[in-house]
Amino acid sequence: MCACTRVNGKVFAVLTGATGSRPDQVTLKCEPGLALHLREQYPAVGPSYYARLRHWNTVVLDGTVPADELAEMIEHSWECVVAGMPRATRDRLRTRHGGRP
C-alpha cells in the first residue's frame, strides 16, 4: 500500500507500507548531490526504483536514520518540489509553511 503526500498537487513524499520482507519506507525528492551524500552516509537510503533515480531517494524506515535527519529530508523534499512552482505559488506556500525560503 502506498500513500502520496502532495503540495499544491505535486508529490513530495510517497510512503510505502511494510511487507513481510521489509519495513515501511518513504521516497523523497532530493537534489542529486545531496542524494548521493545521503546514500553514502546511511545504508537505509538508496535510489528510488519508481522515480528518476537521480532526484529521488527511498529511505527504509528501520530506525537507522535519526529522526531529525529524516525530518530534514522531508523538509528538503517539500522545498525541492515547491522550488519548481511559479513564484507567486512558491511565495504563498512558503508563507503558509512558516516563511521558509
N, C-alpha and C. Protein backbone atom coordinates (compact mmCIF):
# COMPACT_ATOMS: atom_id res chain seq x y z
N MET A 1 0.83 -1.17 0.00
CA MET A 1 0.00 0.00 0.00
C MET A 1 0.88 1.25 0.00
N CYS A 2 0.53 2.24 -0.84
CA CYS A 2 1.28 3.49 -0.95
C CYS A 2 0.37 4.67 -0.64
N ALA A 3 0.96 5.68 -0.04
CA ALA A 3 0.25 6.94 0.21
C ALA A 3 1.15 8.08 -0.23
N CYS A 4 0.62 8.92 -1.11
CA CYS A 4 1.38 10.07 -1.60
C CYS A 4 1.03 11.31 -0.79
N THR A 5 2.04 12.10 -0.49
CA THR A 5 1.84 13.38 0.17
C THR A 5 2.19 14.45 -0.85
N ARG A 6 1.28 15.42 -1.00
CA ARG A 6 1.42 16.42 -2.05
C ARG A 6 1.44 17.83 -1.48
N VAL A 7 2.04 18.71 -2.27
CA VAL A 7 1.96 20.13 -2.01
C VAL A 7 1.50 20.76 -3.32
N ASN A 8 0.37 21.45 -3.27
CA ASN A 8 -0.22 22.08 -4.45
C ASN A 8 -0.35 21.09 -5.61
N GLY A 9 -0.70 19.86 -5.29
CA GLY A 9 -0.93 18.84 -6.31
C GLY A 9 0.31 18.07 -6.75
N LYS A 10 1.47 18.44 -6.29
CA LYS A 10 2.73 17.77 -6.68
C LYS A 10 3.20 16.88 -5.54
N VAL A 11 3.60 15.66 -5.88
CA VAL A 11 4.07 14.69 -4.89
C VAL A 11 5.45 15.09 -4.38
N PHE A 12 5.61 15.06 -3.05
CA PHE A 12 6.95 15.26 -2.48
C PHE A 12 7.35 14.11 -1.57
N ALA A 13 6.41 13.22 -1.25
CA ALA A 13 6.73 12.04 -0.42
C ALA A 13 5.75 10.92 -0.76
N VAL A 14 6.31 9.70 -0.84
CA VAL A 14 5.49 8.51 -1.06
C VAL A 14 5.83 7.53 0.05
N LEU A 15 4.85 7.22 0.86
CA LEU A 15 5.04 6.27 1.95
C LEU A 15 4.53 4.91 1.48
N THR A 16 5.39 3.92 1.58
CA THR A 16 5.04 2.56 1.19
C THR A 16 5.03 1.69 2.43
N GLY A 17 3.92 1.02 2.65
CA GLY A 17 3.76 0.20 3.84
C GLY A 17 4.67 -1.02 3.85
N ALA A 18 4.89 -1.53 5.04
CA ALA A 18 5.75 -2.69 5.24
C ALA A 18 5.14 -3.93 4.59
N THR A 19 6.02 -4.83 4.22
CA THR A 19 5.62 -6.15 3.76
C THR A 19 6.28 -7.15 4.69
N GLY A 20 6.08 -8.42 4.45
CA GLY A 20 6.71 -9.42 5.29
C GLY A 20 8.22 -9.40 5.21
N SER A 21 8.78 -8.85 4.14
CA SER A 21 10.22 -8.89 3.96
C SER A 21 10.94 -7.55 4.19
N ARG A 22 10.18 -6.46 4.35
CA ARG A 22 10.84 -5.17 4.57
C ARG A 22 9.93 -4.23 5.37
N PRO A 23 10.56 -3.29 6.11
CA PRO A 23 9.77 -2.31 6.89
C PRO A 23 9.18 -1.22 5.98
N ASP A 24 8.42 -0.32 6.59
CA ASP A 24 7.90 0.84 5.87
C ASP A 24 9.07 1.58 5.22
N GLN A 25 8.75 2.30 4.15
CA GLN A 25 9.77 3.14 3.53
C GLN A 25 9.10 4.39 2.96
N VAL A 26 9.90 5.43 2.80
CA VAL A 26 9.41 6.68 2.24
C VAL A 26 10.35 7.10 1.11
N THR A 27 9.75 7.57 0.02
CA THR A 27 10.51 8.06 -1.12
C THR A 27 10.37 9.57 -1.15
N LEU A 28 11.53 10.26 -1.21
CA LEU A 28 11.57 11.73 -1.10
C LEU A 28 12.40 12.34 -2.21
N LYS A 29 11.96 13.48 -2.72
CA LYS A 29 12.73 14.21 -3.72
C LYS A 29 13.97 14.80 -3.06
N CYS A 30 15.06 14.90 -3.83
CA CYS A 30 16.32 15.38 -3.26
C CYS A 30 17.21 15.92 -4.36
N GLU A 31 17.98 16.95 -4.05
CA GLU A 31 18.96 17.45 -5.01
C GLU A 31 19.99 16.34 -5.26
N PRO A 32 20.42 16.14 -6.51
CA PRO A 32 21.28 15.00 -6.84
C PRO A 32 22.55 14.86 -6.00
N GLY A 33 23.26 15.96 -5.74
CA GLY A 33 24.49 15.88 -4.94
C GLY A 33 24.21 15.44 -3.51
N LEU A 34 23.18 16.00 -2.93
CA LEU A 34 22.80 15.62 -1.57
C LEU A 34 22.28 14.18 -1.54
N ALA A 35 21.57 13.78 -2.58
CA ALA A 35 21.07 12.41 -2.65
C ALA A 35 22.22 11.41 -2.56
N LEU A 36 23.28 11.67 -3.32
CA LEU A 36 24.45 10.78 -3.28
C LEU A 36 25.10 10.78 -1.90
N HIS A 37 25.23 11.95 -1.30
CA HIS A 37 25.82 12.06 0.05
C HIS A 37 25.01 11.23 1.06
N LEU A 38 23.69 11.38 1.03
CA LEU A 38 22.84 10.65 1.98
C LEU A 38 22.92 9.15 1.76
N ARG A 39 23.03 8.73 0.50
CA ARG A 39 23.16 7.29 0.19
C ARG A 39 24.47 6.73 0.74
N GLU A 40 25.53 7.55 0.71
CA GLU A 40 26.82 7.12 1.27
C GLU A 40 26.79 7.10 2.79
N GLN A 41 26.07 8.04 3.38
CA GLN A 41 26.06 8.19 4.84
C GLN A 41 25.18 7.16 5.54
N TYR A 42 24.07 6.77 4.93
CA TYR A 42 23.11 5.88 5.57
C TYR A 42 22.79 4.68 4.69
N PRO A 43 23.06 3.47 5.17
CA PRO A 43 22.72 2.27 4.40
C PRO A 43 21.22 2.15 4.09
N ALA A 44 20.37 2.78 4.91
CA ALA A 44 18.92 2.69 4.70
C ALA A 44 18.44 3.64 3.61
N VAL A 45 19.33 4.46 3.05
CA VAL A 45 18.95 5.41 1.99
C VAL A 45 19.52 4.90 0.67
N GLY A 46 18.64 4.82 -0.33
CA GLY A 46 19.08 4.36 -1.64
C GLY A 46 18.29 5.04 -2.73
N PRO A 47 18.66 4.78 -3.98
CA PRO A 47 17.93 5.38 -5.09
C PRO A 47 16.51 4.82 -5.17
N SER A 48 15.60 5.63 -5.66
CA SER A 48 14.23 5.17 -5.82
C SER A 48 14.12 4.37 -7.11
N TYR A 49 13.39 3.31 -7.05
CA TYR A 49 13.20 2.48 -8.24
C TYR A 49 11.93 2.87 -8.99
N TYR A 50 11.15 3.80 -8.46
CA TYR A 50 9.88 4.18 -9.06
C TYR A 50 9.91 5.57 -9.68
N ALA A 51 10.93 6.33 -9.44
CA ALA A 51 11.01 7.70 -9.93
C ALA A 51 12.42 7.91 -10.50
N ARG A 52 12.68 9.10 -10.98
CA ARG A 52 14.01 9.39 -11.53
C ARG A 52 15.05 9.19 -10.43
N LEU A 53 15.93 8.23 -10.64
CA LEU A 53 16.89 7.84 -9.60
C LEU A 53 17.74 8.99 -9.10
N ARG A 54 18.08 9.91 -9.96
CA ARG A 54 18.96 10.99 -9.61
C ARG A 54 18.34 11.96 -8.61
N HIS A 55 17.03 12.14 -8.68
CA HIS A 55 16.35 13.15 -7.89
C HIS A 55 15.51 12.61 -6.74
N TRP A 56 15.47 11.32 -6.57
CA TRP A 56 14.62 10.72 -5.54
C TRP A 56 15.38 9.67 -4.75
N ASN A 57 15.24 9.70 -3.43
CA ASN A 57 15.81 8.68 -2.54
C ASN A 57 14.67 7.92 -1.88
N THR A 58 14.90 6.64 -1.66
CA THR A 58 13.99 5.85 -0.85
C THR A 58 14.69 5.57 0.47
N VAL A 59 14.00 5.86 1.57
CA VAL A 59 14.55 5.67 2.91
C VAL A 59 13.77 4.52 3.57
N VAL A 60 14.49 3.47 3.92
CA VAL A 60 13.88 2.37 4.65
C VAL A 60 13.74 2.82 6.10
N LEU A 61 12.54 2.76 6.60
CA LEU A 61 12.26 3.27 7.95
C LEU A 61 12.49 2.16 8.99
N ASP A 62 13.77 1.83 9.14
CA ASP A 62 14.16 0.76 10.06
C ASP A 62 14.77 1.29 11.36
N GLY A 63 14.74 2.62 11.52
CA GLY A 63 15.27 3.22 12.74
C GLY A 63 16.73 3.61 12.67
N THR A 64 17.40 3.34 11.56
CA THR A 64 18.83 3.64 11.48
C THR A 64 19.12 5.08 11.04
N VAL A 65 18.15 5.75 10.45
CA VAL A 65 18.30 7.17 10.11
C VAL A 65 17.70 7.96 11.26
N PRO A 66 18.48 8.84 11.90
CA PRO A 66 17.96 9.61 13.04
C PRO A 66 16.72 10.41 12.65
N ALA A 67 15.80 10.55 13.59
CA ALA A 67 14.53 11.23 13.34
C ALA A 67 14.73 12.66 12.85
N ASP A 68 15.71 13.38 13.43
CA ASP A 68 15.93 14.76 12.99
C ASP A 68 16.45 14.82 11.56
N GLU A 69 17.27 13.86 11.18
CA GLU A 69 17.77 13.79 9.80
C GLU A 69 16.63 13.46 8.84
N LEU A 70 15.77 12.54 9.22
CA LEU A 70 14.61 12.19 8.40
C LEU A 70 13.70 13.41 8.24
N ALA A 71 13.49 14.16 9.30
CA ALA A 71 12.67 15.37 9.23
C ALA A 71 13.28 16.38 8.25
N GLU A 72 14.60 16.52 8.27
CA GLU A 72 15.28 17.42 7.33
C GLU A 72 15.12 16.94 5.90
N MET A 73 15.17 15.62 5.68
CA MET A 73 14.98 15.07 4.34
C MET A 73 13.57 15.37 3.82
N ILE A 74 12.58 15.25 4.69
CA ILE A 74 11.20 15.54 4.31
C ILE A 74 11.04 17.02 3.97
N GLU A 75 11.60 17.88 4.81
CA GLU A 75 11.56 19.33 4.57
C GLU A 75 12.25 19.68 3.25
N HIS A 76 13.40 19.05 3.00
CA HIS A 76 14.14 19.30 1.76
C HIS A 76 13.32 18.85 0.55
N SER A 77 12.66 17.73 0.65
CA SER A 77 11.83 17.23 -0.44
C SER A 77 10.71 18.23 -0.74
N TRP A 78 10.04 18.70 0.31
CA TRP A 78 8.97 19.69 0.15
C TRP A 78 9.51 20.92 -0.57
N GLU A 79 10.66 21.39 -0.12
CA GLU A 79 11.26 22.59 -0.69
C GLU A 79 11.66 22.37 -2.15
N CYS A 80 12.19 21.21 -2.50
CA CYS A 80 12.56 20.91 -3.89
C CYS A 80 11.35 20.98 -4.80
N VAL A 81 10.24 20.44 -4.34
CA VAL A 81 9.03 20.44 -5.15
C VAL A 81 8.47 21.86 -5.28
N VAL A 82 8.42 22.60 -4.19
CA VAL A 82 7.91 23.97 -4.21
C VAL A 82 8.80 24.87 -5.08
N ALA A 83 10.09 24.64 -5.09
CA ALA A 83 11.01 25.46 -5.88
C ALA A 83 10.71 25.41 -7.37
N GLY A 84 10.08 24.35 -7.83
CA GLY A 84 9.76 24.23 -9.25
C GLY A 84 8.42 24.85 -9.63
N MET A 85 7.76 25.49 -8.70
CA MET A 85 6.45 26.09 -8.95
C MET A 85 6.60 27.56 -9.31
N PRO A 86 5.56 28.17 -9.91
CA PRO A 86 5.62 29.60 -10.21
C PRO A 86 5.86 30.43 -8.94
N ARG A 87 6.50 31.57 -9.12
CA ARG A 87 6.91 32.39 -7.98
C ARG A 87 5.77 32.74 -7.03
N ALA A 88 4.63 33.15 -7.56
CA ALA A 88 3.50 33.52 -6.69
C ALA A 88 3.06 32.33 -5.85
N THR A 89 3.05 31.16 -6.45
CA THR A 89 2.66 29.94 -5.72
C THR A 89 3.69 29.62 -4.65
N ARG A 90 4.98 29.70 -5.02
CA ARG A 90 6.06 29.45 -4.04
C ARG A 90 5.93 30.38 -2.85
N ASP A 91 5.76 31.66 -3.12
CA ASP A 91 5.67 32.65 -2.04
C ASP A 91 4.48 32.35 -1.13
N ARG A 92 3.34 32.03 -1.72
CA ARG A 92 2.14 31.74 -0.92
C ARG A 92 2.36 30.50 -0.06
N LEU A 93 2.92 29.44 -0.65
CA LEU A 93 3.14 28.20 0.10
C LEU A 93 4.17 28.37 1.21
N ARG A 94 5.23 29.09 0.91
CA ARG A 94 6.27 29.30 1.92
C ARG A 94 5.75 30.14 3.08
N THR A 95 4.92 31.12 2.78
CA THR A 95 4.32 31.93 3.85
C THR A 95 3.45 31.05 4.75
N ARG A 96 2.65 30.20 4.15
CA ARG A 96 1.79 29.29 4.92
C ARG A 96 2.61 28.26 5.71
N HIS A 97 3.78 27.95 5.18
CA HIS A 97 4.61 26.89 5.78
C HIS A 97 5.58 27.44 6.83
N GLY A 98 5.44 28.70 7.14
CA GLY A 98 6.30 29.26 8.20
C GLY A 98 7.35 30.20 7.68
N GLY A 99 7.21 30.69 6.45
CA GLY A 99 8.12 31.70 5.92
C GLY A 99 9.47 31.18 5.52
N ARG A 100 9.60 29.88 5.31
CA ARG A 100 10.90 29.34 4.92
C ARG A 100 11.21 29.75 3.48
N PRO A 101 12.48 30.00 3.16
CA PRO A 101 12.85 30.44 1.79
C PRO A 101 12.70 29.33 0.77
